[in-house]
Amino acid sequence: MVHNYPKSPTYDGLHPFVGRKSLVVSEAGVWAKQRKAFNPGFQYQFLKDLVPVFTAKTQLLCDR
């Protein structure tokens, strides 16, 4: 069973920052298509390899 719940109206405030076609604000079929395209980037192995990069960048922000 698939449920497609509408996004909160508060997402409308994100349009100036992410655009109207962003995965963050898209819904239903459009969201599913975008998510399928981006899905490989969310695989565990890919993200695991990026942890050192995330850590280094976070440390730079914290040092400021």
N, C-alpha and C. Protein backbone atom coordinates (compact mmCIF):
# COMPACT_ATOMS: atom_id res chain seq x y z
N MET A 1 0.84 -1.17 0.00
CA MET A 1 0.00 0.00 0.00
C MET A 1 0.89 1.25 0.00
N VAL A 2 0.58 2.18 -0.85
CA VAL A 2 1.34 3.41 -0.95
C VAL A 2 0.46 4.57 -0.53
N HIS A 3 0.99 5.40 0.34
CA HIS A 3 0.28 6.60 0.78
C HIS A 3 1.02 7.81 0.25
N ASN A 4 0.32 8.70 -0.38
CA ASN A 4 0.90 9.96 -0.84
C ASN A 4 0.28 11.09 -0.04
N TYR A 5 0.97 11.48 1.01
CA TYR A 5 0.48 12.57 1.85
C TYR A 5 0.99 13.89 1.31
N PRO A 6 0.14 14.90 1.27
CA PRO A 6 0.60 16.21 0.77
C PRO A 6 1.60 16.83 1.76
N LYS A 7 2.50 17.61 1.23
CA LYS A 7 3.46 18.29 2.08
C LYS A 7 2.78 19.46 2.78
N SER A 8 3.33 19.82 3.89
CA SER A 8 2.81 20.93 4.68
C SER A 8 2.91 22.24 3.89
N PRO A 9 1.96 23.14 4.07
CA PRO A 9 2.06 24.46 3.41
C PRO A 9 3.32 25.23 3.83
N THR A 10 3.93 24.85 4.93
CA THR A 10 5.15 25.55 5.34
C THR A 10 6.29 25.35 4.35
N TYR A 11 6.21 24.31 3.52
CA TYR A 11 7.23 24.09 2.50
C TYR A 11 7.22 25.20 1.45
N ASP A 12 6.09 25.89 1.30
CA ASP A 12 6.01 26.98 0.33
C ASP A 12 7.05 28.06 0.61
N GLY A 13 7.40 28.24 1.87
CA GLY A 13 8.40 29.23 2.23
C GLY A 13 9.80 28.88 1.77
N LEU A 14 10.00 27.63 1.35
CA LEU A 14 11.32 27.20 0.87
C LEU A 14 11.56 27.51 -0.60
N HIS A 15 10.51 27.81 -1.33
CA HIS A 15 10.65 28.05 -2.78
C HIS A 15 11.74 29.07 -3.13
N PRO A 16 11.85 30.19 -2.43
CA PRO A 16 12.92 31.13 -2.79
C PRO A 16 14.33 30.55 -2.62
N PHE A 17 14.46 29.55 -1.77
CA PHE A 17 15.77 28.99 -1.48
C PHE A 17 16.11 27.77 -2.32
N VAL A 18 15.11 26.93 -2.60
CA VAL A 18 15.38 25.67 -3.31
C VAL A 18 14.72 25.60 -4.67
N GLY A 19 13.89 26.56 -5.01
CA GLY A 19 13.18 26.55 -6.28
C GLY A 19 11.89 25.76 -6.19
N ARG A 20 11.07 25.87 -7.20
CA ARG A 20 9.76 25.22 -7.21
C ARG A 20 9.81 23.79 -7.74
N LYS A 21 10.93 23.38 -8.33
CA LYS A 21 11.05 22.04 -8.89
C LYS A 21 11.97 21.15 -8.07
N SER A 22 12.32 21.58 -6.88
CA SER A 22 13.25 20.84 -6.03
C SER A 22 12.61 19.57 -5.48
N LEU A 23 13.42 18.57 -5.26
CA LEU A 23 12.99 17.34 -4.62
C LEU A 23 12.39 17.63 -3.25
N VAL A 24 12.90 18.64 -2.58
CA VAL A 24 12.43 19.00 -1.24
C VAL A 24 10.96 19.40 -1.25
N VAL A 25 10.52 20.09 -2.28
CA VAL A 25 9.15 20.61 -2.30
C VAL A 25 8.22 19.90 -3.28
N SER A 26 8.75 19.02 -4.10
CA SER A 26 7.89 18.32 -5.07
C SER A 26 7.05 17.26 -4.37
N GLU A 27 5.98 16.83 -5.04
CA GLU A 27 5.06 15.87 -4.43
C GLU A 27 4.70 14.76 -5.41
N ALA A 28 4.18 13.68 -4.85
CA ALA A 28 3.59 12.54 -5.56
C ALA A 28 4.48 12.02 -6.68
N GLY A 29 3.96 11.96 -7.90
CA GLY A 29 4.67 11.37 -9.03
C GLY A 29 5.96 12.09 -9.37
N VAL A 30 5.94 13.41 -9.28
CA VAL A 30 7.15 14.20 -9.57
C VAL A 30 8.22 13.86 -8.54
N TRP A 31 7.83 13.81 -7.26
CA TRP A 31 8.78 13.46 -6.20
C TRP A 31 9.36 12.06 -6.43
N ALA A 32 8.49 11.10 -6.77
CA ALA A 32 8.93 9.72 -6.96
C ALA A 32 9.96 9.63 -8.09
N LYS A 33 9.73 10.35 -9.18
CA LYS A 33 10.67 10.36 -10.30
C LYS A 33 12.01 10.96 -9.91
N GLN A 34 11.95 12.09 -9.19
CA GLN A 34 13.18 12.74 -8.75
C GLN A 34 13.94 11.86 -7.76
N ARG A 35 13.21 11.26 -6.82
CA ARG A 35 13.83 10.42 -5.80
C ARG A 35 14.52 9.21 -6.45
N LYS A 36 13.89 8.63 -7.45
CA LYS A 36 14.48 7.49 -8.15
C LYS A 36 15.81 7.88 -8.80
N ALA A 37 15.86 9.08 -9.36
CA ALA A 37 17.09 9.56 -9.99
C ALA A 37 18.20 9.81 -8.96
N PHE A 38 17.83 10.29 -7.78
CA PHE A 38 18.81 10.61 -6.74
C PHE A 38 19.13 9.43 -5.84
N ASN A 39 18.33 8.38 -5.88
CA ASN A 39 18.46 7.27 -4.95
C ASN A 39 19.87 6.67 -4.85
N PRO A 40 20.62 6.51 -5.94
CA PRO A 40 21.97 5.95 -5.80
C PRO A 40 22.86 6.77 -4.87
N GLY A 41 22.64 8.04 -4.79
CA GLY A 41 23.44 8.90 -3.92
C GLY A 41 23.14 8.72 -2.45
N PHE A 42 22.08 7.99 -2.12
CA PHE A 42 21.71 7.76 -0.73
C PHE A 42 22.08 6.35 -0.26
N GLN A 43 22.81 5.60 -1.06
CA GLN A 43 23.21 4.26 -0.67
C GLN A 43 24.26 4.32 0.43
N TYR A 44 24.18 3.35 1.32
CA TYR A 44 25.07 3.31 2.49
C TYR A 44 26.54 3.45 2.11
N GLN A 45 26.99 2.68 1.16
CA GLN A 45 28.42 2.69 0.81
C GLN A 45 28.86 4.06 0.32
N PHE A 46 28.04 4.70 -0.48
CA PHE A 46 28.38 6.03 -0.99
C PHE A 46 28.46 7.04 0.15
N LEU A 47 27.45 7.03 1.03
CA LEU A 47 27.44 7.97 2.15
C LEU A 47 28.57 7.69 3.14
N LYS A 48 28.86 6.41 3.38
CA LYS A 48 29.93 6.03 4.31
C LYS A 48 31.27 6.61 3.85
N ASP A 49 31.50 6.59 2.57
CA ASP A 49 32.75 7.12 2.03
C ASP A 49 32.85 8.64 2.18
N LEU A 50 31.72 9.30 2.35
CA LEU A 50 31.72 10.75 2.48
C LEU A 50 31.83 11.24 3.92
N VAL A 51 31.75 10.34 4.89
CA VAL A 51 31.80 10.74 6.29
C VAL A 51 33.04 11.58 6.61
N PRO A 52 34.24 11.22 6.14
CA PRO A 52 35.40 12.07 6.43
C PRO A 52 35.25 13.49 5.87
N VAL A 53 34.63 13.62 4.72
CA VAL A 53 34.40 14.95 4.12
C VAL A 53 33.42 15.74 4.99
N PHE A 54 32.31 15.10 5.37
CA PHE A 54 31.31 15.76 6.23
C PHE A 54 31.96 16.20 7.55
N THR A 55 32.78 15.33 8.11
CA THR A 55 33.43 15.62 9.38
C THR A 55 34.37 16.81 9.25
N ALA A 56 35.17 16.82 8.21
CA ALA A 56 36.12 17.93 8.01
C ALA A 56 35.41 19.25 7.81
N LYS A 57 34.35 19.25 7.02
CA LYS A 57 33.60 20.49 6.77
C LYS A 57 32.91 20.98 8.03
N THR A 58 32.36 20.04 8.80
CA THR A 58 31.70 20.40 10.05
C THR A 58 32.71 20.99 11.03
N GLN A 59 33.89 20.41 11.07
CA GLN A 59 34.93 20.92 11.97
C GLN A 59 35.31 22.35 11.58
N LEU A 60 35.40 22.63 10.29
CA LEU A 60 35.70 24.00 9.85
C LEU A 60 34.64 24.98 10.33
N LEU A 61 33.37 24.58 10.22
CA LEU A 61 32.30 25.45 10.69
C LEU A 61 32.36 25.66 12.20
N CYS A 62 32.64 24.61 12.93
CA CYS A 62 32.72 24.71 14.39
C CYS A 62 33.90 25.56 14.84
N ASP A 63 34.98 25.51 14.09
CA ASP A 63 36.17 26.30 14.44
C ASP A 63 35.94 27.80 14.24
N ARG A 64 34.99 28.16 13.44
CA ARG A 64 34.70 29.57 13.20
C ARG A 64 34.00 30.09 14.40
